Amino acid sequence: MRSFSKIFAKLFIGSAAIAGAFCSGLVSANVNGYAVANIGYGNVDTQIDSEADVSYSAALGYRFHRQWYVEGGYISLIDADTDEQSLSSKGPYLALLGKASSPKGELYYKLGVASVDIEQVSINSSACGTEALACGYDDTIVAGLAGLGFDYYVGMKSMVRVEYTYFGGKDDFSAHIVNLGFRYNF
């Protein structure tokens, strides 16, 4: 009787796993909207200096074609405050995502544009010039963005996101962001 229970348990668990994988693919195939929240690590370079710190973002996305999403959100690239400088870089973005699906998840690339508010104050005399005690930069720039990521299925409507995104704009602005996030499909 015990061996029958083990065989039944293995058969039941295996069938449930296969059905779960199949159903998650069906559910995700019919999903049109999603919300995603990310936390990561960002390295931001400006014309004055460079700094690295924690990054976070939140976005909403919509599938308008079987291979294409549009995603809009808000990202904080960096918010660092040290003894020598203070650097904050954040703003909204809009991106187009192209995807390739598999039973495990979705591989995607992202191209878009962001409006980035940059506020930087530095007391580093080498960055500011020999006569300046403090210098700063406060501007809103338009930056292009390009990214690559993978959304891994962990449930019927939930996915784990791993992503790399590059931002580039005027005045030697650039940012490299690596994110880990959670996506919920609705």
N, C-alpha and C. Protein backbone atom coordinates (compact mmCIF):
# COMPACT_ATOMS: atom_id res chain seq x y z
N MET A 1 0.82 -1.19 0.00
CA MET A 1 0.00 0.00 0.00
C MET A 1 0.86 1.25 0.00
N ARG A 2 1.99 1.22 0.75
CA ARG A 2 2.89 2.36 0.81
C ARG A 2 3.49 2.68 -0.56
N SER A 3 3.88 1.68 -1.34
CA SER A 3 4.46 1.94 -2.65
C SER A 3 3.42 2.55 -3.60
N PHE A 4 2.15 2.11 -3.48
CA PHE A 4 1.10 2.70 -4.27
C PHE A 4 0.94 4.18 -3.92
N SER A 5 1.02 4.55 -2.65
CA SER A 5 0.90 5.95 -2.23
C SER A 5 2.04 6.78 -2.79
N LYS A 6 3.26 6.24 -2.78
CA LYS A 6 4.41 6.97 -3.32
C LYS A 6 4.25 7.18 -4.82
N ILE A 7 3.82 6.15 -5.52
CA ILE A 7 3.63 6.27 -6.97
C ILE A 7 2.53 7.28 -7.27
N PHE A 8 1.41 7.20 -6.52
CA PHE A 8 0.33 8.14 -6.71
C PHE A 8 0.79 9.58 -6.42
N ALA A 9 1.54 9.76 -5.34
CA ALA A 9 2.03 11.09 -4.98
C ALA A 9 2.94 11.64 -6.07
N LYS A 10 3.87 10.81 -6.58
CA LYS A 10 4.76 11.25 -7.66
C LYS A 10 3.97 11.59 -8.92
N LEU A 11 2.99 10.75 -9.25
CA LEU A 11 2.16 11.00 -10.43
C LEU A 11 1.35 12.28 -10.26
N PHE A 12 0.76 12.47 -9.08
CA PHE A 12 -0.05 13.66 -8.82
C PHE A 12 0.81 14.93 -8.87
N ILE A 13 1.96 14.92 -8.20
CA ILE A 13 2.85 16.09 -8.18
C ILE A 13 3.38 16.38 -9.57
N GLY A 14 3.77 15.36 -10.31
CA GLY A 14 4.26 15.55 -11.68
C GLY A 14 3.18 16.12 -12.59
N SER A 15 1.96 15.58 -12.48
CA SER A 15 0.84 16.09 -13.29
C SER A 15 0.51 17.53 -12.93
N ALA A 16 0.54 17.85 -11.64
CA ALA A 16 0.25 19.22 -11.21
C ALA A 16 1.32 20.18 -11.74
N ALA A 17 2.58 19.74 -11.71
CA ALA A 17 3.66 20.61 -12.22
C ALA A 17 3.51 20.85 -13.72
N ILE A 18 3.20 19.80 -14.47
CA ILE A 18 3.00 19.95 -15.92
C ILE A 18 1.79 20.83 -16.21
N ALA A 19 0.69 20.60 -15.50
CA ALA A 19 -0.51 21.41 -15.70
C ALA A 19 -0.25 22.86 -15.32
N GLY A 20 0.49 23.08 -14.23
CA GLY A 20 0.82 24.45 -13.82
C GLY A 20 1.65 25.16 -14.86
N ALA A 21 2.64 24.47 -15.40
CA ALA A 21 3.47 25.08 -16.45
C ALA A 21 2.63 25.37 -17.69
N PHE A 22 1.75 24.43 -18.07
CA PHE A 22 0.91 24.63 -19.24
C PHE A 22 -0.07 25.78 -19.02
N CYS A 23 -0.70 25.82 -17.85
CA CYS A 23 -1.68 26.87 -17.57
C CYS A 23 -1.02 28.23 -17.44
N SER A 24 0.16 28.29 -16.85
CA SER A 24 0.83 29.59 -16.73
C SER A 24 1.15 30.14 -18.11
N GLY A 25 1.47 29.26 -19.05
CA GLY A 25 1.71 29.71 -20.42
C GLY A 25 0.44 30.20 -21.08
N LEU A 26 -0.69 29.51 -20.80
CA LEU A 26 -1.96 29.95 -21.37
C LEU A 26 -2.42 31.27 -20.78
N VAL A 27 -2.30 31.40 -19.47
CA VAL A 27 -2.72 32.63 -18.83
C VAL A 27 -1.87 33.79 -19.32
N SER A 28 -0.55 33.60 -19.36
CA SER A 28 0.32 34.70 -19.78
C SER A 28 0.12 35.05 -21.25
N ALA A 29 -0.31 34.09 -22.04
CA ALA A 29 -0.53 34.38 -23.45
C ALA A 29 -1.72 35.32 -23.65
N ASN A 30 -2.67 35.31 -22.70
CA ASN A 30 -3.85 36.15 -22.83
C ASN A 30 -3.77 37.42 -22.00
N VAL A 31 -2.67 37.65 -21.35
CA VAL A 31 -2.50 38.83 -20.50
C VAL A 31 -2.26 40.06 -21.36
N ASN A 32 -2.95 41.14 -21.02
CA ASN A 32 -2.73 42.38 -21.75
C ASN A 32 -2.03 43.44 -20.91
N GLY A 33 -2.18 43.43 -19.60
CA GLY A 33 -1.57 44.45 -18.76
C GLY A 33 -0.72 43.84 -17.67
N TYR A 34 0.19 44.65 -17.13
CA TYR A 34 1.02 44.20 -16.01
C TYR A 34 1.54 45.40 -15.23
N ALA A 35 1.95 45.12 -14.01
CA ALA A 35 2.62 46.10 -13.16
C ALA A 35 3.93 45.47 -12.72
N VAL A 36 4.97 46.28 -12.62
CA VAL A 36 6.28 45.76 -12.23
C VAL A 36 6.95 46.73 -11.26
N ALA A 37 7.63 46.18 -10.26
CA ALA A 37 8.42 46.97 -9.31
C ALA A 37 9.82 46.38 -9.28
N ASN A 38 10.84 47.24 -9.38
CA ASN A 38 12.24 46.80 -9.44
C ASN A 38 13.07 47.48 -8.36
N ILE A 39 14.10 46.78 -7.92
CA ILE A 39 15.14 47.37 -7.10
C ILE A 39 16.46 46.89 -7.69
N GLY A 40 17.45 47.75 -7.69
CA GLY A 40 18.70 47.36 -8.31
C GLY A 40 19.87 48.21 -7.87
N TYR A 41 20.88 48.22 -8.71
CA TYR A 41 22.11 48.94 -8.44
C TYR A 41 22.41 49.79 -9.67
N GLY A 42 22.67 51.08 -9.45
CA GLY A 42 22.90 51.98 -10.56
C GLY A 42 24.22 52.71 -10.46
N ASN A 43 24.85 52.93 -11.60
CA ASN A 43 26.07 53.72 -11.70
C ASN A 43 25.76 54.87 -12.64
N VAL A 44 25.82 56.12 -12.12
CA VAL A 44 25.45 57.31 -12.88
C VAL A 44 26.69 58.17 -13.08
N ASP A 45 26.93 58.57 -14.34
CA ASP A 45 28.03 59.48 -14.68
C ASP A 45 27.45 60.79 -15.19
N THR A 46 27.93 61.91 -14.62
CA THR A 46 27.53 63.23 -15.10
C THR A 46 28.79 63.98 -15.51
N GLN A 47 28.62 65.20 -15.98
CA GLN A 47 29.79 65.98 -16.41
C GLN A 47 30.67 66.38 -15.22
N ILE A 48 30.14 66.34 -14.00
CA ILE A 48 30.93 66.71 -12.82
C ILE A 48 31.62 65.51 -12.20
N ASP A 49 30.88 64.41 -11.99
CA ASP A 49 31.44 63.27 -11.28
C ASP A 49 30.64 62.01 -11.58
N SER A 50 30.96 60.93 -10.87
CA SER A 50 30.31 59.65 -11.03
C SER A 50 29.99 59.09 -9.64
N GLU A 51 28.88 58.37 -9.54
CA GLU A 51 28.49 57.78 -8.26
C GLU A 51 27.66 56.53 -8.52
N ALA A 52 27.67 55.58 -7.58
CA ALA A 52 26.90 54.35 -7.68
C ALA A 52 26.11 54.15 -6.39
N ASP A 53 24.87 53.68 -6.51
CA ASP A 53 24.02 53.48 -5.35
C ASP A 53 22.80 52.65 -5.75
N VAL A 54 21.87 52.48 -4.81
CA VAL A 54 20.65 51.72 -5.03
C VAL A 54 19.73 52.46 -6.00
N SER A 55 19.06 51.69 -6.85
CA SER A 55 18.12 52.20 -7.83
C SER A 55 16.78 51.48 -7.62
N TYR A 56 15.68 52.17 -7.93
CA TYR A 56 14.38 51.52 -7.87
C TYR A 56 13.46 52.11 -8.93
N SER A 57 12.44 51.34 -9.31
CA SER A 57 11.48 51.80 -10.30
C SER A 57 10.16 51.07 -10.17
N ALA A 58 9.13 51.67 -10.74
CA ALA A 58 7.79 51.05 -10.82
C ALA A 58 7.21 51.42 -12.18
N ALA A 59 6.48 50.49 -12.78
CA ALA A 59 5.94 50.74 -14.12
C ALA A 59 4.67 49.95 -14.36
N LEU A 60 3.91 50.40 -15.36
CA LEU A 60 2.76 49.70 -15.87
C LEU A 60 3.02 49.41 -17.34
N GLY A 61 2.61 48.23 -17.78
CA GLY A 61 2.81 47.86 -19.17
C GLY A 61 1.53 47.33 -19.80
N TYR A 62 1.48 47.39 -21.13
CA TYR A 62 0.32 46.92 -21.86
C TYR A 62 0.76 46.24 -23.15
N ARG A 63 0.24 45.03 -23.38
CA ARG A 63 0.55 44.31 -24.62
C ARG A 63 -0.46 44.71 -25.67
N PHE A 64 0.03 45.30 -26.78
CA PHE A 64 -0.86 45.72 -27.85
C PHE A 64 -0.73 44.82 -29.08
N HIS A 65 0.22 43.89 -29.05
CA HIS A 65 0.44 42.92 -30.13
C HIS A 65 1.05 41.69 -29.47
N ARG A 66 0.99 40.55 -30.10
CA ARG A 66 1.50 39.33 -29.46
C ARG A 66 2.98 39.40 -29.11
N GLN A 67 3.76 40.25 -29.76
CA GLN A 67 5.18 40.37 -29.49
C GLN A 67 5.58 41.72 -28.90
N TRP A 68 4.67 42.65 -28.74
CA TRP A 68 5.05 44.01 -28.37
C TRP A 68 4.29 44.52 -27.15
N TYR A 69 5.04 45.16 -26.27
CA TYR A 69 4.48 45.84 -25.10
C TYR A 69 4.87 47.32 -25.16
N VAL A 70 4.07 48.16 -24.51
CA VAL A 70 4.46 49.54 -24.22
C VAL A 70 4.49 49.62 -22.69
N GLU A 71 5.53 50.25 -22.16
CA GLU A 71 5.71 50.33 -20.71
C GLU A 71 6.03 51.76 -20.31
N GLY A 72 5.35 52.25 -19.30
CA GLY A 72 5.61 53.59 -18.78
C GLY A 72 5.77 53.52 -17.28
N GLY A 73 6.73 54.27 -16.76
CA GLY A 73 6.96 54.20 -15.33
C GLY A 73 7.80 55.34 -14.81
N TYR A 74 8.23 55.19 -13.59
CA TYR A 74 9.07 56.17 -12.90
C TYR A 74 10.28 55.45 -12.36
N ILE A 75 11.46 56.02 -12.56
CA ILE A 75 12.69 55.39 -12.10
C ILE A 75 13.54 56.38 -11.31
N SER A 76 14.08 55.90 -10.21
CA SER A 76 15.08 56.64 -9.45
C SER A 76 16.41 55.96 -9.75
N LEU A 77 17.21 56.58 -10.62
CA LEU A 77 18.48 55.99 -11.02
C LEU A 77 19.47 55.98 -9.87
N ILE A 78 19.50 57.05 -9.08
CA ILE A 78 20.42 57.16 -7.95
C ILE A 78 19.94 58.27 -7.02
N ASP A 79 20.19 58.10 -5.74
CA ASP A 79 19.93 59.13 -4.73
C ASP A 79 21.01 58.97 -3.67
N ALA A 80 22.20 59.47 -3.95
CA ALA A 80 23.36 59.27 -3.09
C ALA A 80 23.78 60.59 -2.44
N ASP A 81 24.19 60.50 -1.20
CA ASP A 81 24.66 61.66 -0.45
C ASP A 81 25.90 61.26 0.34
N THR A 82 27.07 61.79 -0.05
CA THR A 82 28.32 61.50 0.64
C THR A 82 28.89 62.80 1.21
N ASP A 83 30.05 62.71 1.84
CA ASP A 83 30.70 63.89 2.40
C ASP A 83 31.13 64.87 1.31
N GLU A 84 31.45 64.36 0.11
CA GLU A 84 31.96 65.22 -0.96
C GLU A 84 30.91 65.65 -1.98
N GLN A 85 29.79 64.90 -2.07
CA GLN A 85 28.80 65.28 -3.07
C GLN A 85 27.43 64.70 -2.75
N SER A 86 26.43 65.28 -3.40
CA SER A 86 25.06 64.81 -3.34
C SER A 86 24.59 64.67 -4.79
N LEU A 87 24.05 63.52 -5.14
CA LEU A 87 23.61 63.27 -6.51
C LEU A 87 22.25 62.59 -6.49
N SER A 88 21.30 63.17 -7.19
CA SER A 88 19.97 62.61 -7.33
C SER A 88 19.60 62.64 -8.81
N SER A 89 19.10 61.52 -9.30
CA SER A 89 18.75 61.40 -10.70
C SER A 89 17.51 60.52 -10.81
N LYS A 90 16.39 61.11 -11.27
CA LYS A 90 15.14 60.35 -11.33
C LYS A 90 14.19 60.98 -12.34
N GLY A 91 13.17 60.21 -12.74
CA GLY A 91 12.17 60.75 -13.64
C GLY A 91 11.33 59.68 -14.32
N PRO A 92 10.32 60.11 -15.09
CA PRO A 92 9.46 59.18 -15.81
C PRO A 92 10.10 58.69 -17.11
N TYR A 93 9.63 57.53 -17.56
CA TYR A 93 10.11 56.99 -18.84
C TYR A 93 8.98 56.31 -19.58
N LEU A 94 9.16 56.16 -20.88
CA LEU A 94 8.24 55.46 -21.75
C LEU A 94 9.08 54.59 -22.68
N ALA A 95 8.72 53.30 -22.79
CA ALA A 95 9.54 52.38 -23.58
C ALA A 95 8.66 51.41 -24.36
N LEU A 96 9.22 50.92 -25.44
CA LEU A 96 8.63 49.88 -26.27
C LEU A 96 9.43 48.61 -26.01
N LEU A 97 8.74 47.51 -25.70
CA LEU A 97 9.40 46.24 -25.43
C LEU A 97 9.03 45.23 -26.50
N GLY A 98 10.02 44.57 -27.06
CA GLY A 98 9.82 43.46 -27.97
C GLY A 98 10.16 42.20 -27.22
N LYS A 99 9.35 41.15 -27.34
CA LYS A 99 9.56 39.96 -26.53
C LYS A 99 9.58 38.69 -27.36
N ALA A 100 10.24 37.70 -26.79
CA ALA A 100 10.23 36.34 -27.31
C ALA A 100 9.85 35.44 -26.15
N SER A 101 8.75 34.70 -26.27
CA SER A 101 8.23 33.88 -25.18
C SER A 101 8.75 32.46 -25.24
N SER A 102 8.81 31.85 -24.06
CA SER A 102 9.13 30.42 -23.92
C SER A 102 8.30 29.90 -22.77
N PRO A 103 8.28 28.59 -22.55
CA PRO A 103 7.53 28.06 -21.41
C PRO A 103 8.08 28.53 -20.06
N LYS A 104 9.32 28.97 -20.01
CA LYS A 104 9.94 29.44 -18.76
C LYS A 104 9.70 30.92 -18.50
N GLY A 105 9.46 31.72 -19.56
CA GLY A 105 9.29 33.15 -19.38
C GLY A 105 9.40 33.91 -20.68
N GLU A 106 9.76 35.19 -20.56
CA GLU A 106 9.85 36.07 -21.72
C GLU A 106 11.18 36.80 -21.74
N LEU A 107 11.91 36.64 -22.81
CA LEU A 107 13.12 37.41 -23.06
C LEU A 107 12.68 38.67 -23.80
N TYR A 108 13.17 39.84 -23.36
CA TYR A 108 12.72 41.07 -24.01
C TYR A 108 13.86 42.06 -24.15
N TYR A 109 13.68 42.96 -25.09
CA TYR A 109 14.56 44.12 -25.21
C TYR A 109 13.68 45.34 -25.09
N LYS A 110 14.28 46.44 -24.65
CA LYS A 110 13.53 47.66 -24.34
C LYS A 110 14.23 48.84 -24.98
N LEU A 111 13.48 49.68 -25.69
CA LEU A 111 13.97 50.93 -26.25
C LEU A 111 13.00 52.03 -25.88
N GLY A 112 13.53 53.17 -25.42
CA GLY A 112 12.62 54.22 -25.02
C GLY A 112 13.30 55.54 -24.74
N VAL A 113 12.56 56.39 -24.05
CA VAL A 113 13.01 57.73 -23.74
C VAL A 113 12.61 58.05 -22.30
N ALA A 114 13.44 58.86 -21.62
CA ALA A 114 13.18 59.24 -20.23
C ALA A 114 13.43 60.73 -20.06
N SER A 115 12.69 61.34 -19.15
CA SER A 115 12.92 62.71 -18.74
C SER A 115 13.57 62.64 -17.36
N VAL A 116 14.86 62.92 -17.30
CA VAL A 116 15.64 62.69 -16.07
C VAL A 116 15.97 64.02 -15.41
N ASP A 117 15.54 64.17 -14.15
CA ASP A 117 15.91 65.32 -13.33
C ASP A 117 17.22 64.99 -12.62
N ILE A 118 18.23 65.80 -12.87
CA ILE A 118 19.54 65.59 -12.26
C ILE A 118 19.84 66.76 -11.34
N GLU A 119 20.10 66.45 -10.07
CA GLU A 119 20.51 67.45 -9.09
C GLU A 119 21.82 66.96 -8.47
N GLN A 120 22.87 67.76 -8.63
CA GLN A 120 24.17 67.37 -8.12
C GLN A 120 24.87 68.58 -7.49
N VAL A 121 25.41 68.37 -6.30
CA VAL A 121 26.21 69.37 -5.61
C VAL A 121 27.50 68.68 -5.20
N SER A 122 28.64 69.30 -5.54
CA SER A 122 29.94 68.72 -5.23
C SER A 122 30.82 69.74 -4.52
N ILE A 123 31.56 69.29 -3.52
CA ILE A 123 32.55 70.16 -2.86
C ILE A 123 33.97 69.69 -3.18
N ASN A 124 34.08 68.88 -4.19
CA ASN A 124 35.37 68.37 -4.64
C ASN A 124 36.02 69.43 -5.54
N SER A 125 37.10 70.03 -5.07
CA SER A 125 37.72 71.13 -5.83
C SER A 125 38.29 70.69 -7.17
N SER A 126 38.68 69.44 -7.30
CA SER A 126 39.21 68.98 -8.59
C SER A 126 38.12 68.93 -9.65
N ALA A 127 36.89 68.66 -9.25
CA ALA A 127 35.79 68.61 -10.21
C ALA A 127 35.25 70.01 -10.51
N CYS A 128 35.36 70.93 -9.54
CA CYS A 128 34.76 72.26 -9.67
C CYS A 128 35.73 73.33 -10.15
N GLY A 129 36.99 73.13 -9.98
CA GLY A 129 37.99 74.18 -10.25
C GLY A 129 38.62 74.62 -8.94
N THR A 130 39.76 75.22 -9.01
CA THR A 130 40.52 75.53 -7.80
C THR A 130 39.89 76.65 -6.98
N GLU A 131 39.15 77.56 -7.58
CA GLU A 131 38.60 78.70 -6.84
C GLU A 131 37.21 78.42 -6.27
N ALA A 132 36.54 77.39 -6.69
CA ALA A 132 35.17 77.13 -6.25
C ALA A 132 35.17 76.32 -4.95
N LEU A 133 34.32 76.72 -4.02
CA LEU A 133 34.13 75.96 -2.79
C LEU A 133 33.12 74.85 -3.01
N ALA A 134 32.10 75.13 -3.80
CA ALA A 134 31.09 74.13 -4.14
C ALA A 134 30.58 74.44 -5.54
N CYS A 135 30.23 73.40 -6.25
CA CYS A 135 29.63 73.59 -7.57
C CYS A 135 28.45 72.64 -7.69
N GLY A 136 27.56 72.95 -8.60
CA GLY A 136 26.38 72.14 -8.74
C GLY A 136 25.87 72.07 -10.15
N TYR A 137 24.92 71.20 -10.31
CA TYR A 137 24.30 70.98 -11.60
C TYR A 137 22.85 70.63 -11.31
N ASP A 138 21.93 71.33 -11.90
CA ASP A 138 20.51 71.08 -11.71
C ASP A 138 19.83 71.26 -13.06
N ASP A 139 19.40 70.16 -13.66
CA ASP A 139 18.84 70.23 -15.00
C ASP A 139 17.91 69.04 -15.22
N THR A 140 17.02 69.19 -16.16
CA THR A 140 16.17 68.10 -16.63
C THR A 140 16.58 67.82 -18.07
N ILE A 141 16.97 66.58 -18.33
CA ILE A 141 17.42 66.22 -19.67
C ILE A 141 16.55 65.10 -20.24
N VAL A 142 16.57 64.98 -21.54
CA VAL A 142 15.93 63.87 -22.22
C VAL A 142 17.02 62.85 -22.49
N ALA A 143 16.78 61.62 -22.05
CA ALA A 143 17.77 60.56 -22.23
C ALA A 143 17.13 59.39 -22.97
N GLY A 144 17.90 58.77 -23.83
CA GLY A 144 17.47 57.55 -24.48
C GLY A 144 17.77 56.38 -23.56
N LEU A 145 17.02 55.30 -23.71
CA LEU A 145 17.28 54.11 -22.91
C LEU A 145 17.21 52.87 -23.77
N ALA A 146 18.04 51.91 -23.42
CA ALA A 146 18.05 50.60 -24.09
C ALA A 146 18.29 49.55 -23.02
N GLY A 147 17.53 48.47 -23.07
CA GLY A 147 17.67 47.45 -22.04
C GLY A 147 17.43 46.06 -22.58
N LEU A 148 17.82 45.09 -21.76
CA LEU A 148 17.65 43.68 -22.07
C LEU A 148 17.29 42.99 -20.77
N GLY A 149 16.28 42.11 -20.81
CA GLY A 149 15.87 41.44 -19.58
C GLY A 149 15.15 40.15 -19.84
N PHE A 150 14.82 39.48 -18.73
CA PHE A 150 14.08 38.23 -18.78
C PHE A 150 13.07 38.22 -17.65
N ASP A 151 11.80 37.92 -17.97
CA ASP A 151 10.74 37.75 -16.98
C ASP A 151 10.49 36.25 -16.84
N TYR A 152 10.78 35.71 -15.64
CA TYR A 152 10.68 34.28 -15.37
C TYR A 152 9.36 33.98 -14.66
N TYR A 153 8.57 33.02 -15.19
CA TYR A 153 7.30 32.64 -14.58
C TYR A 153 7.54 31.98 -13.23
N VAL A 154 6.85 32.48 -12.19
CA VAL A 154 6.88 31.83 -10.88
C VAL A 154 5.47 31.44 -10.43
N GLY A 155 4.46 31.83 -11.15
CA GLY A 155 3.08 31.50 -10.83
C GLY A 155 2.18 31.79 -12.02
N MET A 156 0.88 31.66 -11.78
CA MET A 156 -0.08 31.88 -12.87
C MET A 156 -0.03 33.32 -13.39
N LYS A 157 0.15 34.30 -12.51
CA LYS A 157 0.15 35.70 -12.92
C LYS A 157 1.40 36.44 -12.48
N SER A 158 2.34 35.76 -11.88
CA SER A 158 3.51 36.45 -11.34
C SER A 158 4.80 36.01 -12.01
N MET A 159 5.73 36.97 -12.10
CA MET A 159 7.01 36.71 -12.76
C MET A 159 8.11 37.44 -11.98
N VAL A 160 9.30 36.92 -12.06
CA VAL A 160 10.48 37.59 -11.51
C VAL A 160 11.25 38.17 -12.67
N ARG A 161 11.62 39.45 -12.57
CA ARG A 161 12.31 40.15 -13.65
C ARG A 161 13.78 40.38 -13.31
N VAL A 162 14.65 40.08 -14.27
CA VAL A 162 16.08 40.42 -14.21
C VAL A 162 16.35 41.28 -15.43
N GLU A 163 16.99 42.46 -15.21
CA GLU A 163 17.08 43.43 -16.29
C GLU A 163 18.35 44.28 -16.19
N TYR A 164 18.90 44.61 -17.35
CA TYR A 164 19.97 45.60 -17.47
C TYR A 164 19.46 46.72 -18.37
N THR A 165 19.66 47.98 -17.94
CA THR A 165 19.23 49.12 -18.75
C THR A 165 20.33 50.17 -18.79
N TYR A 166 20.53 50.73 -19.98
CA TYR A 166 21.49 51.82 -20.18
C TYR A 166 20.72 53.09 -20.52
N PHE A 167 21.08 54.20 -19.88
CA PHE A 167 20.52 55.52 -20.18
C PHE A 167 21.65 56.40 -20.68
N GLY A 168 21.39 57.22 -21.67
CA GLY A 168 22.38 58.15 -22.19
C GLY A 168 21.73 59.43 -22.64
N GLY A 169 22.37 60.59 -22.31
CA GLY A 169 21.79 61.87 -22.68
C GLY A 169 22.85 62.94 -22.84
N LYS A 170 22.41 64.20 -22.94
CA LYS A 170 23.31 65.32 -23.17
C LYS A 170 24.20 65.57 -21.95
N ASP A 171 25.20 66.41 -22.14
CA ASP A 171 26.15 66.80 -21.08
C ASP A 171 26.85 65.59 -20.46
N ASP A 172 27.21 64.63 -21.26
CA ASP A 172 27.94 63.43 -20.81
C ASP A 172 27.19 62.62 -19.76
N PHE A 173 25.86 62.67 -19.75
CA PHE A 173 25.08 61.88 -18.80
C PHE A 173 24.97 60.45 -19.30
N SER A 174 25.25 59.49 -18.41
CA SER A 174 25.02 58.08 -18.71
C SER A 174 24.74 57.35 -17.40
N ALA A 175 24.00 56.26 -17.50
CA ALA A 175 23.68 55.44 -16.33
C ALA A 175 23.58 53.99 -16.76
N HIS A 176 24.09 53.12 -15.92
CA HIS A 176 24.00 51.67 -16.11
C HIS A 176 23.24 51.13 -14.91
N ILE A 177 22.13 50.44 -15.14
CA ILE A 177 21.27 49.95 -14.07
C ILE A 177 21.08 48.44 -14.22
N VAL A 178 21.25 47.70 -13.12
CA VAL A 178 20.95 46.27 -13.07
C VAL A 178 19.84 46.09 -12.05
N ASN A 179 18.72 45.51 -12.47
CA ASN A 179 17.53 45.40 -11.63
C ASN A 179 17.11 43.96 -11.38
N LEU A 180 16.47 43.76 -10.23
CA LEU A 180 15.75 42.54 -9.91
C LEU A 180 14.35 43.00 -9.52
N GLY A 181 13.31 42.43 -10.12
CA GLY A 181 11.98 42.93 -9.87
C GLY A 181 10.93 41.85 -9.82
N PHE A 182 9.71 42.29 -9.55
CA PHE A 182 8.55 41.42 -9.51
C PHE A 182 7.49 41.98 -10.46
N ARG A 183 6.98 41.14 -11.33
CA ARG A 183 5.96 41.55 -12.31
C ARG A 183 4.68 40.79 -12.01
N TYR A 184 3.55 41.50 -11.99
CA TYR A 184 2.25 40.89 -11.79
C TYR A 184 1.38 41.18 -13.02
N ASN A 185 0.89 40.12 -13.65
CA ASN A 185 0.05 40.25 -14.85
C ASN A 185 -1.42 40.35 -14.48
N PHE A 186 -2.14 41.22 -15.15
CA PHE A 186 -3.58 41.33 -14.91
C PHE A 186 -4.35 41.48 -16.21
